[in-house]
Amino acid sequence: MGKPKQLLDWESRPLVRHIAETALASVVDGVAVVTGANGDEINGALEGLSVQPVFNPDYRFGQSTSLRAGLAALDPETSAVVFLLVDQPTVVPSSIDAVVGIWRATGSPIVQARYGSTPSHPVLFTRPLFAELQRVQGDEGARSILAAHRDEIAFADLPGPTPFDIDTEDDYRAALATGSTLTD
């Protein structure tokens, strides 16, 4: 996009701050924010929030490196992790809560949000899968883990449209035009 997505304006604040505030407003016990390029500027956008900044020195090598950096920063007692993406600003706290609630109710090793028939974020993984997640390579995130464990996924069926994924200027404009009408 020619500029850091994390710093795009979303509802009068940087996108990364919006996502962090969304996570903080949910039932999760802690929030870590993984940064790479422009880390200092992005961390500045998080000033005053109770989040753990995690720098990923290998960010150039794809999404999997951020996933691994975030996992490495976890408290050893962490039993599950919920992944959110900075470029999906229409995820709301109740979606995170629903995913965590399904995990608490079922103990499933993976819980994924599903909007209609479309799986999306947030996604929760339990500790037994952390080693597999640490081995993911490239720019795929956790897709291979989801595919390998497809029969073990519990879904949190959520109302509303699938969260926007902002990858281009056109995506950003479309999200801005629609995103402000979505509420929790």
N, C-alpha and C. Protein backbone atom coordinates (compact mmCIF):
# COMPACT_ATOMS: atom_id res chain seq x y z
N MET A 1 0.82 -1.20 0.00
CA MET A 1 0.00 0.00 0.00
C MET A 1 0.86 1.26 0.00
N GLY A 2 2.16 1.12 0.16
CA GLY A 2 3.04 2.28 0.16
C GLY A 2 3.16 2.96 1.51
N LYS A 3 2.43 2.48 2.50
CA LYS A 3 2.51 3.02 3.86
C LYS A 3 2.13 1.91 4.83
N PRO A 4 2.52 2.03 6.09
CA PRO A 4 2.20 0.96 7.04
C PRO A 4 0.70 0.85 7.28
N LYS A 5 0.15 -0.32 7.02
CA LYS A 5 -1.28 -0.55 7.26
C LYS A 5 -1.64 -0.27 8.71
N GLN A 6 -0.74 -0.64 9.61
CA GLN A 6 -1.02 -0.51 11.03
C GLN A 6 -1.35 0.92 11.43
N LEU A 7 -0.87 1.88 10.65
CA LEU A 7 -1.05 3.29 11.01
C LEU A 7 -2.15 3.98 10.21
N LEU A 8 -2.86 3.22 9.38
CA LEU A 8 -4.00 3.81 8.67
C LEU A 8 -5.03 4.28 9.69
N ASP A 9 -5.73 5.32 9.35
CA ASP A 9 -6.75 5.86 10.25
C ASP A 9 -7.99 4.97 10.23
N TRP A 10 -8.46 4.62 11.42
CA TRP A 10 -9.70 3.87 11.56
C TRP A 10 -10.46 4.46 12.73
N GLU A 11 -11.58 5.06 12.45
CA GLU A 11 -12.42 5.68 13.49
C GLU A 11 -11.60 6.62 14.38
N SER A 12 -10.83 7.48 13.73
CA SER A 12 -10.05 8.55 14.38
C SER A 12 -8.86 8.07 15.21
N ARG A 13 -8.37 6.89 14.92
CA ARG A 13 -7.16 6.41 15.58
C ARG A 13 -6.45 5.43 14.65
N PRO A 14 -5.17 5.15 14.91
CA PRO A 14 -4.47 4.20 14.04
C PRO A 14 -5.09 2.81 14.12
N LEU A 15 -5.08 2.13 13.01
CA LEU A 15 -5.68 0.81 12.91
C LEU A 15 -5.15 -0.14 13.98
N VAL A 16 -3.85 -0.11 14.24
CA VAL A 16 -3.26 -1.01 15.25
C VAL A 16 -3.83 -0.71 16.64
N ARG A 17 -4.07 0.53 16.92
CA ARG A 17 -4.65 0.88 18.23
C ARG A 17 -6.09 0.37 18.32
N HIS A 18 -6.83 0.53 17.23
CA HIS A 18 -8.21 0.02 17.19
C HIS A 18 -8.25 -1.48 17.47
N ILE A 19 -7.38 -2.24 16.81
CA ILE A 19 -7.36 -3.69 16.99
C ILE A 19 -6.95 -4.04 18.42
N ALA A 20 -5.94 -3.36 18.96
CA ALA A 20 -5.50 -3.61 20.33
C ALA A 20 -6.63 -3.29 21.32
N GLU A 21 -7.33 -2.19 21.11
CA GLU A 21 -8.45 -1.84 21.99
C GLU A 21 -9.58 -2.86 21.87
N THR A 22 -9.79 -3.39 20.68
CA THR A 22 -10.79 -4.45 20.49
C THR A 22 -10.42 -5.67 21.33
N ALA A 23 -9.17 -6.08 21.25
CA ALA A 23 -8.72 -7.24 22.03
C ALA A 23 -8.82 -6.96 23.52
N LEU A 24 -8.41 -5.77 23.94
CA LEU A 24 -8.46 -5.42 25.36
C LEU A 24 -9.89 -5.38 25.90
N ALA A 25 -10.85 -5.10 25.04
CA ALA A 25 -12.25 -5.04 25.46
C ALA A 25 -12.90 -6.43 25.52
N SER A 26 -12.15 -7.45 25.16
CA SER A 26 -12.67 -8.81 25.17
C SER A 26 -12.27 -9.51 26.46
N VAL A 27 -12.58 -10.81 26.53
CA VAL A 27 -12.31 -11.59 27.74
C VAL A 27 -10.88 -12.13 27.82
N VAL A 28 -10.04 -11.87 26.84
CA VAL A 28 -8.67 -12.41 26.88
C VAL A 28 -7.91 -11.84 28.07
N ASP A 29 -6.94 -12.61 28.55
CA ASP A 29 -6.18 -12.21 29.74
C ASP A 29 -5.04 -11.25 29.46
N GLY A 30 -4.56 -11.19 28.25
CA GLY A 30 -3.46 -10.30 27.91
C GLY A 30 -3.40 -10.11 26.42
N VAL A 31 -2.76 -9.03 26.00
CA VAL A 31 -2.67 -8.72 24.58
C VAL A 31 -1.22 -8.41 24.23
N ALA A 32 -0.70 -9.12 23.25
CA ALA A 32 0.63 -8.84 22.71
C ALA A 32 0.44 -8.32 21.29
N VAL A 33 1.23 -7.33 20.91
CA VAL A 33 1.17 -6.77 19.57
C VAL A 33 2.53 -6.97 18.93
N VAL A 34 2.56 -7.74 17.85
CA VAL A 34 3.81 -8.03 17.16
C VAL A 34 4.02 -6.99 16.07
N THR A 35 5.20 -6.38 16.08
CA THR A 35 5.54 -5.38 15.07
C THR A 35 6.81 -5.79 14.35
N GLY A 36 7.04 -5.15 13.23
CA GLY A 36 8.26 -5.36 12.46
C GLY A 36 8.73 -4.02 11.95
N ALA A 37 8.57 -3.79 10.65
CA ALA A 37 8.95 -2.50 10.07
C ALA A 37 8.15 -1.40 10.77
N ASN A 38 8.77 -0.28 10.96
CA ASN A 38 8.12 0.87 11.60
C ASN A 38 7.68 0.58 13.03
N GLY A 39 8.38 -0.34 13.69
CA GLY A 39 8.00 -0.76 15.03
C GLY A 39 7.89 0.36 16.04
N ASP A 40 8.83 1.30 16.02
CA ASP A 40 8.78 2.40 16.99
C ASP A 40 7.55 3.26 16.79
N GLU A 41 7.25 3.57 15.54
CA GLU A 41 6.08 4.40 15.24
C GLU A 41 4.78 3.66 15.61
N ILE A 42 4.74 2.36 15.33
CA ILE A 42 3.55 1.57 15.65
C ILE A 42 3.40 1.46 17.17
N ASN A 43 4.50 1.21 17.87
CA ASN A 43 4.44 1.16 19.34
C ASN A 43 3.97 2.50 19.90
N GLY A 44 4.36 3.60 19.27
CA GLY A 44 3.91 4.92 19.70
C GLY A 44 2.40 5.06 19.60
N ALA A 45 1.81 4.40 18.60
CA ALA A 45 0.36 4.45 18.43
C ALA A 45 -0.37 3.66 19.51
N LEU A 46 0.38 2.84 20.24
CA LEU A 46 -0.20 2.01 21.30
C LEU A 46 0.03 2.59 22.68
N GLU A 47 0.65 3.77 22.72
CA GLU A 47 0.99 4.38 24.01
C GLU A 47 -0.22 4.48 24.92
N GLY A 48 -0.01 4.09 26.17
CA GLY A 48 -1.07 4.16 27.17
C GLY A 48 -1.94 2.92 27.25
N LEU A 49 -1.78 2.00 26.31
CA LEU A 49 -2.56 0.75 26.34
C LEU A 49 -1.77 -0.32 27.07
N SER A 50 -2.47 -1.18 27.75
CA SER A 50 -1.84 -2.27 28.49
C SER A 50 -1.63 -3.46 27.56
N VAL A 51 -0.67 -3.30 26.65
CA VAL A 51 -0.32 -4.36 25.71
C VAL A 51 1.16 -4.65 25.81
N GLN A 52 1.53 -5.86 25.42
CA GLN A 52 2.93 -6.25 25.40
C GLN A 52 3.45 -6.09 23.98
N PRO A 53 4.36 -5.14 23.75
CA PRO A 53 4.93 -5.02 22.41
C PRO A 53 5.97 -6.13 22.17
N VAL A 54 5.91 -6.72 21.00
CA VAL A 54 6.84 -7.79 20.63
C VAL A 54 7.42 -7.42 19.26
N PHE A 55 8.72 -7.24 19.20
CA PHE A 55 9.35 -6.91 17.92
C PHE A 55 9.75 -8.19 17.20
N ASN A 56 9.40 -8.27 15.93
CA ASN A 56 9.76 -9.40 15.08
C ASN A 56 10.88 -8.95 14.14
N PRO A 57 12.13 -9.31 14.44
CA PRO A 57 13.23 -8.87 13.58
C PRO A 57 13.23 -9.54 12.20
N ASP A 58 12.46 -10.61 12.05
CA ASP A 58 12.43 -11.35 10.79
C ASP A 58 11.19 -11.06 9.95
N TYR A 59 10.54 -9.94 10.20
CA TYR A 59 9.27 -9.63 9.55
C TYR A 59 9.33 -9.72 8.04
N ARG A 60 10.47 -9.49 7.45
CA ARG A 60 10.59 -9.53 5.97
C ARG A 60 10.34 -10.92 5.40
N PHE A 61 10.39 -11.95 6.25
CA PHE A 61 10.27 -13.32 5.79
C PHE A 61 8.85 -13.88 5.91
N GLY A 62 7.89 -13.01 6.12
CA GLY A 62 6.50 -13.44 6.05
C GLY A 62 5.76 -13.49 7.37
N GLN A 63 4.47 -13.69 7.23
CA GLN A 63 3.53 -13.69 8.34
C GLN A 63 3.88 -14.72 9.41
N SER A 64 4.44 -15.85 9.00
CA SER A 64 4.77 -16.91 9.97
C SER A 64 5.77 -16.42 11.00
N THR A 65 6.64 -15.50 10.62
CA THR A 65 7.64 -15.02 11.58
C THR A 65 7.00 -14.19 12.68
N SER A 66 5.95 -13.47 12.36
CA SER A 66 5.22 -12.72 13.38
C SER A 66 4.46 -13.68 14.30
N LEU A 67 3.90 -14.72 13.73
CA LEU A 67 3.21 -15.73 14.52
C LEU A 67 4.20 -16.35 15.52
N ARG A 68 5.39 -16.72 15.03
CA ARG A 68 6.40 -17.33 15.91
C ARG A 68 6.89 -16.35 16.97
N ALA A 69 7.09 -15.10 16.61
CA ALA A 69 7.54 -14.09 17.58
C ALA A 69 6.50 -13.92 18.69
N GLY A 70 5.25 -13.87 18.31
CA GLY A 70 4.18 -13.73 19.30
C GLY A 70 4.12 -14.93 20.23
N LEU A 71 4.23 -16.12 19.67
CA LEU A 71 4.21 -17.33 20.50
C LEU A 71 5.40 -17.37 21.45
N ALA A 72 6.56 -16.96 20.98
CA ALA A 72 7.77 -16.98 21.82
C ALA A 72 7.64 -16.03 23.00
N ALA A 73 6.84 -15.00 22.86
CA ALA A 73 6.69 -14.00 23.93
C ALA A 73 5.66 -14.39 24.97
N LEU A 74 4.94 -15.48 24.75
CA LEU A 74 3.88 -15.88 25.67
C LEU A 74 4.43 -16.35 27.02
N ASP A 75 3.65 -16.10 28.04
CA ASP A 75 3.93 -16.66 29.35
C ASP A 75 3.89 -18.19 29.23
N PRO A 76 4.82 -18.89 29.87
CA PRO A 76 4.84 -20.35 29.76
C PRO A 76 3.56 -21.04 30.27
N GLU A 77 2.77 -20.33 31.04
CA GLU A 77 1.53 -20.91 31.57
C GLU A 77 0.34 -20.68 30.64
N THR A 78 0.54 -19.98 29.55
CA THR A 78 -0.55 -19.69 28.63
C THR A 78 -1.12 -20.98 28.06
N SER A 79 -2.43 -21.14 28.16
CA SER A 79 -3.06 -22.38 27.70
C SER A 79 -3.67 -22.25 26.30
N ALA A 80 -3.90 -21.03 25.86
CA ALA A 80 -4.46 -20.83 24.52
C ALA A 80 -4.11 -19.41 24.06
N VAL A 81 -4.11 -19.24 22.75
CA VAL A 81 -3.83 -17.93 22.17
C VAL A 81 -4.88 -17.64 21.10
N VAL A 82 -5.29 -16.39 21.02
CA VAL A 82 -6.23 -15.95 19.99
C VAL A 82 -5.46 -15.03 19.06
N PHE A 83 -5.49 -15.34 17.77
CA PHE A 83 -4.82 -14.50 16.78
C PHE A 83 -5.80 -13.56 16.12
N LEU A 84 -5.40 -12.29 16.04
CA LEU A 84 -6.13 -11.26 15.31
C LEU A 84 -5.18 -10.66 14.28
N LEU A 85 -5.73 -10.15 13.21
CA LEU A 85 -4.91 -9.49 12.19
C LEU A 85 -5.20 -8.00 12.20
N VAL A 86 -4.16 -7.21 12.06
CA VAL A 86 -4.32 -5.76 12.10
C VAL A 86 -5.14 -5.25 10.92
N ASP A 87 -5.17 -6.02 9.83
CA ASP A 87 -5.89 -5.53 8.65
C ASP A 87 -7.32 -6.04 8.57
N GLN A 88 -7.87 -6.47 9.72
CA GLN A 88 -9.28 -6.86 9.78
C GLN A 88 -9.98 -6.08 10.89
N PRO A 89 -10.21 -4.79 10.65
CA PRO A 89 -10.72 -3.91 11.71
C PRO A 89 -12.17 -4.11 12.10
N THR A 90 -12.92 -4.91 11.36
CA THR A 90 -14.33 -5.06 11.71
C THR A 90 -14.58 -6.22 12.67
N VAL A 91 -13.51 -6.91 13.10
CA VAL A 91 -13.66 -7.89 14.18
C VAL A 91 -14.01 -7.11 15.44
N VAL A 92 -14.96 -7.62 16.21
CA VAL A 92 -15.44 -6.92 17.40
C VAL A 92 -15.16 -7.76 18.65
N PRO A 93 -15.14 -7.14 19.83
CA PRO A 93 -14.86 -7.89 21.06
C PRO A 93 -15.77 -9.10 21.27
N SER A 94 -17.04 -8.99 20.93
CA SER A 94 -17.94 -10.12 21.13
C SER A 94 -17.57 -11.32 20.27
N SER A 95 -16.92 -11.09 19.14
CA SER A 95 -16.45 -12.20 18.30
C SER A 95 -15.32 -12.95 19.01
N ILE A 96 -14.41 -12.20 19.62
CA ILE A 96 -13.33 -12.81 20.38
C ILE A 96 -13.92 -13.58 21.56
N ASP A 97 -14.85 -12.95 22.26
CA ASP A 97 -15.50 -13.59 23.40
C ASP A 97 -16.18 -14.90 23.00
N ALA A 98 -16.82 -14.91 21.84
CA ALA A 98 -17.51 -16.12 21.37
C ALA A 98 -16.53 -17.25 21.10
N VAL A 99 -15.41 -16.92 20.49
CA VAL A 99 -14.38 -17.92 20.21
C VAL A 99 -13.85 -18.50 21.53
N VAL A 100 -13.52 -17.63 22.47
CA VAL A 100 -13.02 -18.08 23.77
C VAL A 100 -14.10 -18.90 24.49
N GLY A 101 -15.34 -18.47 24.40
CA GLY A 101 -16.45 -19.19 25.03
C GLY A 101 -16.62 -20.60 24.48
N ILE A 102 -16.50 -20.77 23.17
CA ILE A 102 -16.60 -22.10 22.57
C ILE A 102 -15.45 -22.97 23.07
N TRP A 103 -14.25 -22.41 23.15
CA TRP A 103 -13.11 -23.16 23.66
C TRP A 103 -13.35 -23.59 25.11
N ARG A 104 -13.82 -22.67 25.93
CA ARG A 104 -14.07 -23.02 27.34
C ARG A 104 -15.14 -24.10 27.46
N ALA A 105 -16.12 -24.07 26.59
CA ALA A 105 -17.22 -25.04 26.64
C ALA A 105 -16.83 -26.41 26.08
N THR A 106 -15.95 -26.42 25.06
CA THR A 106 -15.66 -27.67 24.36
C THR A 106 -14.26 -28.21 24.60
N GLY A 107 -13.32 -27.34 24.94
CA GLY A 107 -11.92 -27.76 25.07
C GLY A 107 -11.28 -28.07 23.73
N SER A 108 -11.91 -27.68 22.65
CA SER A 108 -11.38 -27.95 21.32
C SER A 108 -9.99 -27.33 21.16
N PRO A 109 -9.07 -28.03 20.47
CA PRO A 109 -7.73 -27.48 20.30
C PRO A 109 -7.67 -26.25 19.38
N ILE A 110 -8.68 -26.11 18.54
CA ILE A 110 -8.77 -24.95 17.65
C ILE A 110 -10.22 -24.48 17.63
N VAL A 111 -10.40 -23.18 17.78
CA VAL A 111 -11.73 -22.60 17.62
C VAL A 111 -11.58 -21.45 16.63
N GLN A 112 -12.41 -21.47 15.62
CA GLN A 112 -12.34 -20.46 14.57
C GLN A 112 -13.69 -19.78 14.40
N ALA A 113 -13.65 -18.48 14.24
CA ALA A 113 -14.87 -17.74 13.94
C ALA A 113 -15.36 -18.15 12.56
N ARG A 114 -16.67 -18.19 12.40
CA ARG A 114 -17.26 -18.48 11.10
C ARG A 114 -18.45 -17.55 10.92
N TYR A 115 -18.46 -16.88 9.79
CA TYR A 115 -19.51 -15.93 9.43
C TYR A 115 -20.28 -16.54 8.27
N GLY A 116 -21.51 -17.00 8.53
CA GLY A 116 -22.21 -17.78 7.51
C GLY A 116 -21.44 -19.07 7.32
N SER A 117 -21.00 -19.34 6.11
CA SER A 117 -20.21 -20.55 5.85
C SER A 117 -18.73 -20.24 5.69
N THR A 118 -18.31 -19.01 6.01
CA THR A 118 -16.94 -18.58 5.77
C THR A 118 -16.12 -18.53 7.06
N PRO A 119 -15.14 -19.42 7.22
CA PRO A 119 -14.24 -19.34 8.36
C PRO A 119 -13.34 -18.10 8.25
N SER A 120 -13.05 -17.48 9.37
CA SER A 120 -12.24 -16.27 9.36
C SER A 120 -11.60 -16.09 10.73
N HIS A 121 -11.27 -14.86 11.06
CA HIS A 121 -10.68 -14.52 12.36
C HIS A 121 -11.75 -13.96 13.27
N PRO A 122 -11.54 -14.07 14.54
CA PRO A 122 -10.38 -14.57 15.26
C PRO A 122 -10.31 -16.09 15.28
N VAL A 123 -9.08 -16.59 15.54
CA VAL A 123 -8.82 -18.03 15.64
C VAL A 123 -8.06 -18.27 16.94
N LEU A 124 -8.47 -19.31 17.66
CA LEU A 124 -7.83 -19.69 18.91
C LEU A 124 -7.13 -21.03 18.73
N PHE A 125 -5.91 -21.12 19.24
CA PHE A 125 -5.15 -22.37 19.25
C PHE A 125 -4.74 -22.66 20.68
N THR A 126 -4.78 -23.94 21.06
CA THR A 126 -4.36 -24.32 22.41
C THR A 126 -2.90 -24.74 22.44
N ARG A 127 -2.35 -24.76 23.64
CA ARG A 127 -0.93 -25.05 23.85
C ARG A 127 -0.43 -26.29 23.12
N PRO A 128 -1.17 -27.41 23.09
CA PRO A 128 -0.63 -28.58 22.38
C PRO A 128 -0.27 -28.32 20.91
N LEU A 129 -0.79 -27.26 20.32
CA LEU A 129 -0.49 -26.94 18.92
C LEU A 129 0.61 -25.88 18.78
N PHE A 130 1.09 -25.32 19.88
CA PHE A 130 2.09 -24.25 19.79
C PHE A 130 3.36 -24.71 19.08
N ALA A 131 3.82 -25.94 19.32
CA ALA A 131 5.04 -26.42 18.67
C ALA A 131 4.84 -26.48 17.16
N GLU A 132 3.68 -26.95 16.71
CA GLU A 132 3.40 -26.97 15.27
C GLU A 132 3.36 -25.56 14.70
N LEU A 133 2.73 -24.66 15.42
CA LEU A 133 2.66 -23.27 14.97
C LEU A 133 4.07 -22.67 14.86
N GLN A 134 4.96 -23.03 15.76
CA GLN A 134 6.33 -22.51 15.74
C GLN A 134 7.09 -22.99 14.50
N ARG A 135 6.65 -24.05 13.87
CA ARG A 135 7.35 -24.59 12.69
C ARG A 135 6.81 -24.05 11.37
N VAL A 136 5.75 -23.26 11.41
CA VAL A 136 5.17 -22.70 10.18
C VAL A 136 6.21 -21.78 9.54
N GLN A 137 6.27 -21.82 8.21
CA GLN A 137 7.23 -21.01 7.46
C GLN A 137 6.51 -20.13 6.43
N GLY A 138 7.19 -19.07 6.01
CA GLY A 138 6.71 -18.26 4.90
C GLY A 138 5.62 -17.28 5.28
N ASP A 139 4.82 -16.94 4.28
CA ASP A 139 3.81 -15.90 4.44
C ASP A 139 2.40 -16.49 4.53
N GLU A 140 2.26 -17.62 5.22
CA GLU A 140 0.97 -18.27 5.25
C GLU A 140 0.24 -18.16 6.58
N GLY A 141 0.86 -17.71 7.62
CA GLY A 141 0.20 -17.72 8.91
C GLY A 141 -0.03 -19.15 9.35
N ALA A 142 -1.21 -19.45 9.86
CA ALA A 142 -1.51 -20.77 10.41
C ALA A 142 -2.37 -21.64 9.49
N ARG A 143 -2.47 -21.28 8.23
CA ARG A 143 -3.33 -22.05 7.31
C ARG A 143 -3.01 -23.54 7.27
N SER A 144 -1.72 -23.89 7.26
CA SER A 144 -1.36 -25.31 7.18
C SER A 144 -1.79 -26.06 8.44
N ILE A 145 -1.75 -25.40 9.59
CA ILE A 145 -2.17 -26.02 10.84
C ILE A 145 -3.69 -26.23 10.81
N LEU A 146 -4.41 -25.23 10.34
CA LEU A 146 -5.86 -25.37 10.22
C LEU A 146 -6.21 -26.53 9.28
N ALA A 147 -5.50 -26.64 8.17
CA ALA A 147 -5.76 -27.72 7.22
C ALA A 147 -5.44 -29.08 7.82
N ALA A 148 -4.33 -29.18 8.54
CA ALA A 148 -3.91 -30.45 9.12
C ALA A 148 -4.84 -30.92 10.24
N HIS A 149 -5.51 -29.98 10.87
CA HIS A 149 -6.37 -30.30 12.01
C HIS A 149 -7.83 -29.96 11.74
N ARG A 150 -8.23 -29.97 10.49
CA ARG A 150 -9.57 -29.52 10.11
C ARG A 150 -10.68 -30.25 10.87
N ASP A 151 -10.46 -31.52 11.22
CA ASP A 151 -11.50 -32.29 11.93
C ASP A 151 -11.56 -31.95 13.42
N GLU A 152 -10.61 -31.18 13.90
CA GLU A 152 -10.56 -30.82 15.32
C GLU A 152 -11.03 -29.39 15.58
N ILE A 153 -11.42 -28.68 14.52
CA ILE A 153 -11.83 -27.29 14.66
C ILE A 153 -13.27 -27.21 15.13
N ALA A 154 -13.48 -26.44 16.18
CA ALA A 154 -14.83 -26.07 16.59
C ALA A 154 -15.08 -24.67 16.05
N PHE A 155 -16.26 -24.40 15.60
CA PHE A 155 -16.56 -23.10 15.03
C PHE A 155 -17.44 -22.28 15.95
N ALA A 156 -17.14 -21.01 16.03
CA ALA A 156 -17.99 -20.04 16.70
C ALA A 156 -18.77 -19.35 15.58
N ASP A 157 -20.02 -19.72 15.42
CA ASP A 157 -20.84 -19.14 14.35
C ASP A 157 -21.31 -17.75 14.77
N LEU A 158 -20.92 -16.77 13.98
CA LEU A 158 -21.13 -15.37 14.33
C LEU A 158 -22.02 -14.68 13.31
N PRO A 159 -22.78 -13.70 13.77
CA PRO A 159 -23.62 -12.94 12.83
C PRO A 159 -22.78 -11.93 12.06
N GLY A 160 -23.37 -11.43 11.03
CA GLY A 160 -22.74 -10.34 10.29
C GLY A 160 -21.85 -10.82 9.18
N PRO A 161 -21.32 -9.87 8.45
CA PRO A 161 -20.45 -10.21 7.32
C PRO A 161 -19.06 -10.66 7.80
N THR A 162 -18.36 -11.38 6.94
CA THR A 162 -16.98 -11.75 7.20
C THR A 162 -16.16 -10.47 7.35
N PRO A 163 -15.23 -10.43 8.30
CA PRO A 163 -14.43 -9.20 8.48
C PRO A 163 -13.70 -8.79 7.20
N PHE A 164 -13.65 -7.48 7.00
CA PHE A 164 -12.88 -6.94 5.89
C PHE A 164 -11.43 -7.31 6.05
N ASP A 165 -10.75 -7.52 4.94
CA ASP A 165 -9.31 -7.74 4.92
C ASP A 165 -8.72 -6.63 4.07
N ILE A 166 -7.98 -5.74 4.69
CA ILE A 166 -7.45 -4.57 3.99
C ILE A 166 -6.07 -4.88 3.44
N ASP A 167 -5.99 -5.07 2.12
CA ASP A 167 -4.71 -5.32 1.47
C ASP A 167 -4.34 -4.25 0.45
N THR A 168 -5.34 -3.48 0.00
CA THR A 168 -5.11 -2.46 -1.02
C THR A 168 -5.83 -1.17 -0.63
N GLU A 169 -5.52 -0.11 -1.35
CA GLU A 169 -6.22 1.17 -1.13
C GLU A 169 -7.72 1.00 -1.34
N ASP A 170 -8.11 0.23 -2.38
CA ASP A 170 -9.53 0.00 -2.65
C ASP A 170 -10.19 -0.75 -1.48
N ASP A 171 -9.48 -1.75 -0.93
CA ASP A 171 -10.00 -2.47 0.23
C ASP A 171 -10.22 -1.50 1.39
N TYR A 172 -9.24 -0.63 1.60
CA TYR A 172 -9.31 0.33 2.70
C TYR A 172 -10.51 1.27 2.54
N ARG A 173 -10.69 1.79 1.33
CA ARG A 173 -11.83 2.68 1.07
C ARG A 173 -13.16 1.95 1.29
N ALA A 174 -13.25 0.71 0.84
CA ALA A 174 -14.47 -0.07 1.02
C ALA A 174 -14.73 -0.34 2.50
N ALA A 175 -13.67 -0.66 3.24
CA ALA A 175 -13.82 -0.91 4.67
C ALA A 175 -14.28 0.35 5.39
N LEU A 176 -13.70 1.49 5.02
CA LEU A 176 -14.10 2.76 5.64
C LEU A 176 -15.57 3.06 5.34
N ALA A 177 -15.99 2.79 4.13
CA ALA A 177 -17.37 3.08 3.74
C ALA A 177 -18.38 2.22 4.47
N THR A 178 -18.00 1.01 4.81
CA THR A 178 -18.93 0.08 5.43
C THR A 178 -18.64 -0.15 6.89
N GLY A 179 -17.37 -0.16 7.25
CA GLY A 179 -16.95 -0.54 8.60
C GLY A 179 -17.55 0.27 9.72
N SER A 180 -17.74 1.54 9.51
CA SER A 180 -18.26 2.38 10.59
C SER A 180 -19.73 2.09 10.90
N THR A 181 -20.40 1.33 10.02
CA THR A 181 -21.79 1.00 10.29
C THR A 181 -21.92 -0.29 11.10
N LEU A 182 -20.79 -1.00 11.29
CA LEU A 182 -20.82 -2.25 12.04
C LEU A 182 -20.60 -1.94 13.51
N THR A 183 -21.34 -2.59 14.36
CA THR A 183 -21.19 -2.38 15.82
C THR A 183 -21.09 -3.72 16.52
N ASP A 184 -20.65 -3.65 17.76
CA ASP A 184 -20.52 -4.86 18.56
C ASP A 184 -21.85 -5.19 19.21
